[in-house]
Amino acid sequence: MPYRAQTASPDNKHAVRCQQCAIRKLCLPVMLAESEIDHLETIIERGATIKKGQPLFHAGEPFEAIYAVRSGSFVSSAVNAEGQEMVTGFYLPGEIIGLDGIHSKKHPTTAKALETSSVCVLPFERLQEIAAVIPSLQRQLFNVMSSEIQSEHELMMLLGRKSADERLAAFFINLSQRFKRRGLSAERFRLSMTRGQIGRYLGLAVETVSRLLTKFSEDGLIHVQDREIEILDMPRLSQLAGTNCHHPD
């Protein structure tokens, strides 16, 4: 069954509410007034710690809720017709997991924690009810859905038109931008995913990912130490990725 949490009691002084949450500006409440956030608070279920490798939901399970990542990170995956596991996305704090289950009412992918993580659970039927009477929440929900569609489109473009080194460069630029939006370093970050997972996401063999990491390091683009990545030459990496920006804003 999908992961479910206990609804936080409004009297629980230790519960971190949306108003005090460090990722509020990255999540659904970003455009809401205080009174509207209070309304949203009535349906949010804040869960306990999710350990590394623990599933949030499995492919084929009923779609009941969407999940906002509070801390940690997650990976989503699906099995293709040949029985191979394909990574479909990585999720960082403030990002929403599970939107791809809305149409079929079933989760088409499996989502698992990449590290010790936590989520806010938003039962979707109740979220729809509240969004119907709070236009700003409805607009923000549409924005999140649109962003999800755009991300899928960008992935298809990434896999369909770029060489292996361009794909990996684009992957690092994308992560850099996402970390910067969270107030973290755009140049230095830790990869919570494995090289194998990166390969399955980019459509590359793990040996290719390892070879390219060595190549990027030798070319002075990045410095690699275990899972720690430091981008040494953002303009050149951005140019290789085919992006217009030389530094994430």
Protein backbone atom coordinates (compact mmCIF):
# COMPACT_ATOMS: atom_id res chain seq x y z
CA MET A 1 0.00 0.00 0.00
CA PRO A 2 1.13 3.61 -0.56
CA TYR A 3 2.93 5.25 2.32
CA ARG A 4 0.51 6.96 4.69
CA ALA A 5 1.22 9.25 7.60
CA GLN A 6 -0.71 10.34 10.63
CA THR A 7 -2.26 13.79 10.33
CA ALA A 8 -0.37 16.20 12.55
CA SER A 9 -2.41 17.47 15.43
CA PRO A 10 -2.86 21.27 15.45
CA ASP A 11 -1.98 21.17 19.14
CA ASN A 12 1.34 19.46 18.54
CA LYS A 13 3.92 22.12 19.35
CA HIS A 14 6.67 20.07 17.75
CA ALA A 15 4.99 19.83 14.34
CA VAL A 16 6.63 22.05 11.73
CA ARG A 17 3.79 23.83 9.95
CA CYS A 18 3.94 25.31 6.45
CA GLN A 19 4.54 28.82 7.81
CA GLN A 20 7.73 27.70 9.56
CA CYS A 21 8.89 25.18 6.94
CA ALA A 22 12.29 25.93 5.41
CA ILE A 23 11.10 24.92 1.93
CA ARG A 24 7.80 26.83 1.94
CA LYS A 25 8.88 28.98 -1.02
CA LEU A 26 9.58 25.85 -3.07
CA CYS A 27 6.39 23.99 -2.31
CA LEU A 28 2.62 24.29 -2.86
CA PRO A 29 2.09 27.13 -0.31
CA VAL A 30 4.42 29.47 -2.22
CA MET A 31 1.57 31.69 -3.53
CA LEU A 32 -0.83 31.35 -0.61
CA ALA A 33 -1.89 33.86 2.03
CA GLU A 34 -1.58 32.89 5.69
CA SER A 35 -5.31 32.15 6.00
CA GLU A 36 -5.16 29.94 2.90
CA ILE A 37 -2.17 28.06 4.27
CA ASP A 38 -4.15 27.42 7.45
CA HIS A 39 -6.86 25.86 5.30
CA LEU A 40 -4.32 23.69 3.49
CA GLU A 41 -2.86 22.63 6.85
CA THR A 42 -6.08 20.80 7.68
CA ILE A 43 -5.40 18.06 5.13
CA ILE A 44 -1.61 17.72 5.26
CA GLU A 45 -0.30 14.53 6.84
CA ARG A 46 3.31 14.80 7.99
CA GLY A 47 5.08 11.49 8.07
CA ALA A 48 7.85 9.96 10.09
CA THR A 49 11.33 9.35 8.76
CA ILE A 50 11.54 7.26 5.60
CA LYS A 51 14.71 5.21 5.54
CA LYS A 52 16.98 4.76 2.54
CA GLY A 53 15.45 2.24 0.13
CA GLN A 54 11.99 2.37 1.71
CA PRO A 55 9.21 2.73 -0.88
CA LEU A 56 6.81 5.64 -0.86
CA PHE A 57 4.57 3.70 -3.25
CA HIS A 58 4.89 0.89 -5.78
CA ALA A 59 3.88 0.86 -9.44
CA GLY A 60 0.33 -0.38 -9.81
CA GLU A 61 -0.85 0.73 -6.37
CA PRO A 62 -3.95 2.92 -6.13
CA PHE A 63 -3.32 6.65 -6.49
CA GLU A 64 -4.56 8.36 -3.34
CA ALA A 65 -2.18 11.22 -2.63
CA ILE A 66 0.67 13.33 -3.86
CA TYR A 67 3.80 13.81 -1.76
CA ALA A 68 5.87 16.94 -1.12
CA VAL A 69 9.48 16.16 -0.24
CA ARG A 70 10.41 17.88 3.04
CA SER A 71 13.93 16.51 3.37
CA GLY A 72 16.19 14.02 1.65
CA SER A 73 15.58 12.82 -1.91
CA PHE A 74 13.71 10.17 -3.87
CA VAL A 75 14.02 8.24 -7.12
CA SER A 76 11.14 7.04 -9.30
CA SER A 77 11.42 4.07 -11.64
CA ALA A 78 9.39 1.84 -13.92
CA VAL A 79 9.95 -1.48 -15.65
CA ASN A 80 9.87 -1.40 -19.46
CA ALA A 81 8.52 -4.04 -21.84
CA GLU A 82 11.86 -5.85 -21.81
CA GLY A 83 11.77 -6.15 -18.02
CA GLN A 84 14.48 -3.53 -17.47
CA GLU A 85 14.20 -0.99 -14.70
CA MET A 86 14.24 2.57 -16.02
CA VAL A 87 14.75 5.57 -13.75
CA THR A 88 12.14 8.22 -14.52
CA GLY A 89 13.07 10.99 -12.10
CA PHE A 90 14.84 12.30 -9.02
CA TYR A 91 13.09 14.47 -6.45
CA LEU A 92 14.58 17.05 -4.08
CA PRO A 93 13.05 19.02 -1.16
CA GLY A 94 10.05 21.08 -2.24
CA GLU A 95 9.28 18.91 -5.26
CA ILE A 96 6.09 16.91 -5.67
CA ILE A 97 5.99 13.14 -6.25
CA GLY A 98 3.07 11.14 -7.61
CA LEU A 99 1.40 13.50 -10.08
CA ASP A 100 1.76 10.91 -12.87
CA GLY A 101 -0.90 8.77 -11.17
CA ILE A 102 -3.75 11.28 -11.49
CA HIS A 103 -5.10 10.12 -14.86
CA SER A 104 -5.12 6.35 -14.39
CA LYS A 105 -5.77 6.46 -10.62
CA LYS A 106 -2.79 4.13 -10.24
CA HIS A 107 0.88 4.87 -9.75
CA PRO A 108 2.75 4.03 -12.99
CA THR A 109 6.10 4.21 -11.20
CA THR A 110 7.72 3.12 -7.94
CA ALA A 111 9.21 5.82 -5.70
CA LYS A 112 11.89 5.06 -3.10
CA ALA A 113 13.97 7.14 -0.72
CA LEU A 114 17.56 7.64 -1.84
CA GLU A 115 18.55 8.59 1.70
CA THR A 116 16.86 9.25 5.03
CA SER A 117 13.95 11.44 3.96
CA SER A 118 10.55 12.81 4.95
CA VAL A 119 7.44 13.93 3.07
CA CYS A 120 4.17 15.75 3.50
CA VAL A 121 1.26 13.63 2.30
CA LEU A 122 -1.57 15.49 0.54
CA PRO A 123 -4.67 13.31 -0.05
CA PHE A 124 -5.59 14.28 -3.60
CA GLU A 125 -9.38 14.26 -3.36
CA ARG A 126 -9.29 16.60 -0.36
CA LEU A 127 -6.66 18.74 -2.08
CA GLN A 128 -8.98 19.12 -5.08
CA GLU A 129 -11.84 20.16 -2.80
CA ILE A 130 -9.76 22.87 -1.17
CA ALA A 131 -8.26 24.02 -4.48
CA ALA A 132 -11.77 24.52 -5.85
CA VAL A 133 -12.39 27.27 -3.27
CA ILE A 134 -8.85 28.71 -3.15
CA PRO A 135 -7.97 29.97 -6.65
CA SER A 136 -4.33 30.64 -5.76
CA LEU A 137 -3.88 27.03 -4.62
CA GLN A 138 -5.52 25.79 -7.81
CA ARG A 139 -3.16 27.94 -9.89
CA GLN A 140 -0.15 26.69 -7.97
CA LEU A 141 -1.29 23.08 -8.40
CA PHE A 142 -1.57 23.68 -12.14
CA ASN A 143 1.89 25.25 -12.11
CA VAL A 144 3.32 22.14 -10.42
CA MET A 145 1.58 19.87 -12.95
CA SER A 146 2.87 22.01 -15.82
CA SER A 147 6.39 21.83 -14.40
CA GLU A 148 6.11 18.04 -14.26
CA ILE A 149 5.05 17.91 -17.92
CA GLN A 150 7.92 20.25 -18.87
CA SER A 151 10.40 18.06 -16.98
CA GLU A 152 9.20 14.98 -18.87
CA HIS A 153 9.51 16.86 -22.17
CA GLU A 154 13.04 17.98 -21.31
CA LEU A 155 13.98 14.40 -20.45
CA MET A 156 12.71 13.19 -23.83
CA MET A 157 14.73 15.92 -25.56
CA LEU A 158 17.75 15.00 -23.45
CA LEU A 159 17.60 11.32 -24.34
CA GLY A 160 16.67 11.83 -27.98
CA ARG A 161 19.00 14.53 -29.24
CA LYS A 162 22.16 14.61 -27.16
CA SER A 163 25.36 12.59 -27.07
CA ALA A 164 26.40 10.80 -23.88
CA ASP A 165 28.67 13.60 -22.66
CA GLU A 166 25.98 16.21 -23.43
CA ARG A 167 23.42 14.21 -21.45
CA LEU A 168 25.63 14.00 -18.36
CA ALA A 169 26.57 17.67 -18.60
CA ALA A 170 22.89 18.63 -18.85
CA PHE A 171 22.13 16.42 -15.85
CA PHE A 172 24.72 18.26 -13.72
CA ILE A 173 23.53 21.69 -14.89
CA ASN A 174 19.96 20.74 -14.00
CA LEU A 175 20.99 19.55 -10.53
CA SER A 176 23.06 22.70 -10.06
CA GLN A 177 20.06 24.91 -10.80
CA ARG A 178 17.80 22.92 -8.51
CA PHE A 179 20.26 23.03 -5.60
CA LYS A 180 20.71 26.80 -6.06
CA ARG A 181 16.94 27.34 -5.85
CA ARG A 182 17.10 25.65 -2.45
CA GLY A 183 19.71 28.10 -1.19
CA LEU A 184 22.50 25.55 -1.52
CA SER A 185 25.72 25.70 -3.47
CA ALA A 186 25.33 25.52 -7.25
CA GLU A 187 28.96 24.46 -7.63
CA ARG A 188 29.38 21.83 -4.93
CA PHE A 189 26.84 19.15 -4.09
CA ARG A 190 26.55 15.51 -3.14
CA LEU A 191 24.87 12.97 -5.38
CA SER A 192 22.35 10.90 -3.42
CA MET A 193 21.82 8.64 -6.43
CA THR A 194 24.25 5.96 -7.65
CA ARG A 195 26.07 6.02 -10.97
CA GLY A 196 23.89 3.11 -12.06
CA GLN A 197 20.74 5.14 -11.35
CA ILE A 198 22.14 8.11 -13.24
CA GLY A 199 22.88 5.80 -16.15
CA ARG A 200 19.36 4.34 -16.16
CA TYR A 201 17.94 7.87 -16.08
CA LEU A 202 20.11 9.10 -18.97
CA GLY A 203 19.95 5.90 -20.99
CA LEU A 204 23.66 5.19 -20.49
CA ALA A 205 25.61 2.21 -19.22
CA VAL A 206 27.13 2.64 -15.77
CA GLU A 207 30.56 2.16 -17.35
CA THR A 208 29.84 5.10 -19.65
CA VAL A 209 28.86 7.30 -16.71
CA SER A 210 32.09 6.38 -14.89
CA ARG A 211 34.17 7.00 -18.01
CA LEU A 212 32.57 10.41 -18.57
CA LEU A 213 33.08 11.44 -14.95
CA THR A 214 36.78 10.68 -15.39
CA LYS A 215 36.84 12.57 -18.70
CA PHE A 216 35.06 15.63 -17.23
CA SER A 217 37.53 15.61 -14.35
CA GLU A 218 40.56 15.36 -16.65
CA ASP A 219 39.15 18.18 -18.81
CA GLY A 220 38.85 20.44 -15.76
CA LEU A 221 35.06 20.66 -15.89
CA ILE A 222 34.39 19.02 -12.53
CA HIS A 223 36.13 17.52 -9.55
CA VAL A 224 34.82 14.16 -8.35
CA GLN A 225 35.42 12.55 -4.97
CA ASP A 226 33.17 9.58 -4.29
CA ARG A 227 29.69 11.14 -4.63
CA GLU A 228 30.85 14.71 -4.07
CA ILE A 229 30.76 16.84 -7.23
CA GLU A 230 32.39 20.24 -7.65
CA ILE A 231 31.75 22.12 -10.87
CA LEU A 232 35.02 23.85 -11.77
CA ASP A 233 34.06 25.44 -15.09
CA MET A 234 30.35 26.31 -15.19
CA PRO A 235 30.47 28.15 -18.57
CA ARG A 236 32.12 25.23 -20.39
CA LEU A 237 29.87 22.64 -18.74
CA SER A 238 26.81 24.73 -19.62
CA GLN A 239 27.99 25.07 -23.20
CA LEU A 240 28.49 21.30 -23.43
CA ALA A 241 25.01 20.77 -22.02
CA GLY A 242 23.56 23.05 -24.68
CA THR A 243 22.07 25.52 -22.21
CA ASN A 244 22.03 29.26 -22.73
CA CYS A 245 22.95 30.24 -19.20
CA HIS A 246 26.54 30.21 -18.04
CA HIS A 247 25.53 30.21 -14.41
CA PRO A 248 22.23 29.16 -12.81
CA ASP A 249 20.11 32.06 -11.56
